[in-house]
Amino acid sequence: MAGMAGRTAPARLERFYFQESYIAELQAMASEGTHTPGPELALISQRDEVLDWREIQARYPKARHILLPNGDHAISDFALHVDGVLGFLGLV
């Protein structure tokens, strides 16, 4: 994450604001090892312009992964995945 400061998102050539101090804040928010989570679902965009999809997949090894080969960071096509998410939550 330290290399993210001032990075340009290649897909859109837009800049985003990221300070080195954010790293400590994000690490403090990490919940790994602090609780026993229930089932997890991860929608992972392989064309994410901010996060490396392989790191996300490794971060949540026990989660059910849905890889989105053409997805972006915002998961702009989320509407296509609502039924799957609702099914995972047991709401359909």
C-alpha atoms as a PDB file:
ATOM      1  CA  MET A   1       0.000   0.000   0.000  1.00  0.00           C
ATOM      2  CA  ALA A   2       2.876   2.344   0.633  1.00  0.00           C
ATOM      3  CA  GLY A   3       3.407   2.674  -3.113  1.00  0.00           C
ATOM      4  CA  MET A   4      -0.152   3.859  -3.694  1.00  0.00           C
ATOM      5  CA  ALA A   5       0.412   7.533  -2.787  1.00  0.00           C
ATOM      6  CA  GLY A   6      -0.161   9.711  -5.838  1.00  0.00           C
ATOM      7  CA  ARG A   7      -0.748   6.699  -8.076  1.00  0.00           C
ATOM      8  CA  THR A   8      -2.675   7.178 -11.306  1.00  0.00           C
ATOM      9  CA  ALA A   9      -5.505   4.786 -12.079  1.00  0.00           C
ATOM     10  CA  PRO A  10      -4.464   3.547 -15.553  1.00  0.00           C
ATOM     11  CA  ALA A  11      -7.951   2.737 -16.844  1.00  0.00           C
ATOM     12  CA  ARG A  12      -9.268   6.278 -16.486  1.00  0.00           C
ATOM     13  CA  LEU A  13      -6.150   8.394 -16.003  1.00  0.00           C
ATOM     14  CA  GLU A  14      -7.680   9.944 -12.900  1.00  0.00           C
ATOM     15  CA  ARG A  15      -5.811  10.774  -9.706  1.00  0.00           C
ATOM     16  CA  PHE A  16      -6.999   9.840  -6.268  1.00  0.00           C
ATOM     17  CA  TYR A  17      -5.887  11.151  -2.891  1.00  0.00           C
ATOM     18  CA  PHE A  18      -3.937   8.726  -0.698  1.00  0.00           C
ATOM     19  CA  GLN A  19      -1.713   9.674   2.221  1.00  0.00           C
ATOM     20  CA  GLU A  20       0.911   7.460   3.839  1.00  0.00           C
ATOM     21  CA  SER A  21      -0.921   7.955   7.151  1.00  0.00           C
ATOM     22  CA  TYR A  22      -3.879   6.036   5.715  1.00  0.00           C
ATOM     23  CA  ILE A  23      -1.842   2.816   5.896  1.00  0.00           C
ATOM     24  CA  ALA A  24      -1.921   2.742   9.701  1.00  0.00           C
ATOM     25  CA  GLU A  25      -5.635   3.539   9.682  1.00  0.00           C
ATOM     26  CA  LEU A  26      -6.351   0.706   7.266  1.00  0.00           C
ATOM     27  CA  GLN A  27      -4.224  -1.709   9.285  1.00  0.00           C
ATOM     28  CA  ALA A  28      -6.143  -0.765  12.440  1.00  0.00           C
ATOM     29  CA  MET A  29      -9.407  -1.497  10.644  1.00  0.00           C
ATOM     30  CA  ALA A  30      -8.241  -4.956   9.536  1.00  0.00           C
ATOM     31  CA  SER A  31     -10.283  -7.520  11.413  1.00  0.00           C
ATOM     32  CA  GLU A  32      -8.178 -10.572  10.616  1.00  0.00           C
ATOM     33  CA  GLY A  33      -7.827 -12.729  13.704  1.00  0.00           C
ATOM     34  CA  THR A  34     -10.089 -10.590  15.896  1.00  0.00           C
ATOM     35  CA  HIS A  35     -13.245 -12.625  15.466  1.00  0.00           C
ATOM     36  CA  THR A  36     -14.529 -15.832  13.969  1.00  0.00           C
ATOM     37  CA  PRO A  37     -16.374 -14.686  10.882  1.00  0.00           C
ATOM     38  CA  GLY A  38     -19.364 -16.378   9.389  1.00  0.00           C
ATOM     39  CA  PRO A  39     -19.538 -17.268   5.728  1.00  0.00           C
ATOM     40  CA  GLU A  40     -18.045 -14.604   3.489  1.00  0.00           C
ATOM     41  CA  LEU A  41     -18.689 -13.733  -0.130  1.00  0.00           C
ATOM     42  CA  ALA A  42     -16.142 -11.798  -2.162  1.00  0.00           C
ATOM     43  CA  LEU A  43     -16.999 -10.218  -5.503  1.00  0.00           C
ATOM     44  CA  ILE A  44     -13.533  -9.730  -6.971  1.00  0.00           C
ATOM     45  CA  SER A  45     -12.983  -7.596 -10.053  1.00  0.00           C
ATOM     46  CA  GLN A  46     -10.018  -8.834 -12.039  1.00  0.00           C
ATOM     47  CA  ARG A  47      -9.689  -5.479 -13.798  1.00  0.00           C
ATOM     48  CA  ASP A  48      -9.864  -3.467 -10.570  1.00  0.00           C
ATOM     49  CA  GLU A  49      -7.943  -0.269 -11.178  1.00  0.00           C
ATOM     50  CA  VAL A  50      -7.109   0.169  -7.469  1.00  0.00           C
ATOM     51  CA  LEU A  51      -6.652  -3.282  -5.898  1.00  0.00           C
ATOM     52  CA  ASP A  52      -4.891  -6.388  -7.179  1.00  0.00           C
ATOM     53  CA  TRP A  53      -7.521  -9.125  -7.369  1.00  0.00           C
ATOM     54  CA  ARG A  54      -4.975 -11.789  -6.334  1.00  0.00           C
ATOM     55  CA  GLU A  55      -4.302  -9.955  -3.065  1.00  0.00           C
ATOM     56  CA  ILE A  56      -8.025  -9.798  -2.318  1.00  0.00           C
ATOM     57  CA  GLN A  57      -8.412 -13.483  -3.066  1.00  0.00           C
ATOM     58  CA  ALA A  58      -5.466 -14.312  -0.776  1.00  0.00           C
ATOM     59  CA  ARG A  59      -6.797 -12.014   1.980  1.00  0.00           C
ATOM     60  CA  TYR A  60     -10.076 -13.942   2.154  1.00  0.00           C
ATOM     61  CA  PRO A  61      -9.057 -17.554   1.487  1.00  0.00           C
ATOM     62  CA  LYS A  62     -12.152 -19.083   3.149  1.00  0.00           C
ATOM     63  CA  ALA A  63     -14.626 -16.825   1.383  1.00  0.00           C
ATOM     64  CA  ARG A  64     -16.698 -17.896  -1.571  1.00  0.00           C
ATOM     65  CA  HIS A  65     -15.053 -16.027  -4.445  1.00  0.00           C
ATOM     66  CA  ILE A  66     -16.880 -14.744  -7.477  1.00  0.00           C
ATOM     67  CA  LEU A  67     -14.292 -13.536  -9.979  1.00  0.00           C
ATOM     68  CA  LEU A  68     -15.492 -10.786 -12.284  1.00  0.00           C
ATOM     69  CA  PRO A  69     -13.162 -10.860 -15.313  1.00  0.00           C
ATOM     70  CA  ASN A  70     -14.376  -7.534 -16.704  1.00  0.00           C
ATOM     71  CA  GLY A  71     -15.329  -5.815 -13.454  1.00  0.00           C
ATOM     72  CA  ASP A  72     -13.996  -2.511 -12.167  1.00  0.00           C
ATOM     73  CA  HIS A  73     -13.293  -1.263  -8.630  1.00  0.00           C
ATOM     74  CA  ALA A  74     -16.815   0.141  -8.268  1.00  0.00           C
ATOM     75  CA  ILE A  75     -18.357  -3.123  -9.518  1.00  0.00           C
ATOM     76  CA  SER A  76     -20.369  -0.982 -11.911  1.00  0.00           C
ATOM     77  CA  ASP A  77     -22.311  -4.015 -13.094  1.00  0.00           C
ATOM     78  CA  PHE A  78     -23.421  -4.921  -9.557  1.00  0.00           C
ATOM     79  CA  ALA A  79     -27.017  -5.229 -10.697  1.00  0.00           C
ATOM     80  CA  LEU A  80     -25.972  -8.363 -12.591  1.00  0.00           C
ATOM     81  CA  HIS A  81     -24.793  -9.938  -9.328  1.00  0.00           C
ATOM     82  CA  VAL A  82     -27.633  -8.995  -6.973  1.00  0.00           C
ATOM     83  CA  ASP A  83     -29.388 -12.365  -7.278  1.00  0.00           C
ATOM     84  CA  GLY A  84     -26.173 -14.201  -6.389  1.00  0.00           C
ATOM     85  CA  VAL A  85     -25.546 -11.947  -3.385  1.00  0.00           C
ATOM     86  CA  LEU A  86     -29.124 -12.307  -2.170  1.00  0.00           C
ATOM     87  CA  GLY A  87     -28.894 -16.055  -2.626  1.00  0.00           C
ATOM     88  CA  PHE A  88     -25.695 -16.157  -0.581  1.00  0.00           C
ATOM     89  CA  LEU A  89     -27.450 -14.190   2.166  1.00  0.00           C
ATOM     90  CA  GLY A  90     -30.404 -16.572   2.034  1.00  0.00           C
ATOM     91  CA  LEU A  91     -32.795 -13.800   1.067  1.00  0.00           C
ATOM     92  CA  VAL A  92     -34.292 -15.386  -2.044  1.00  0.00           C
END
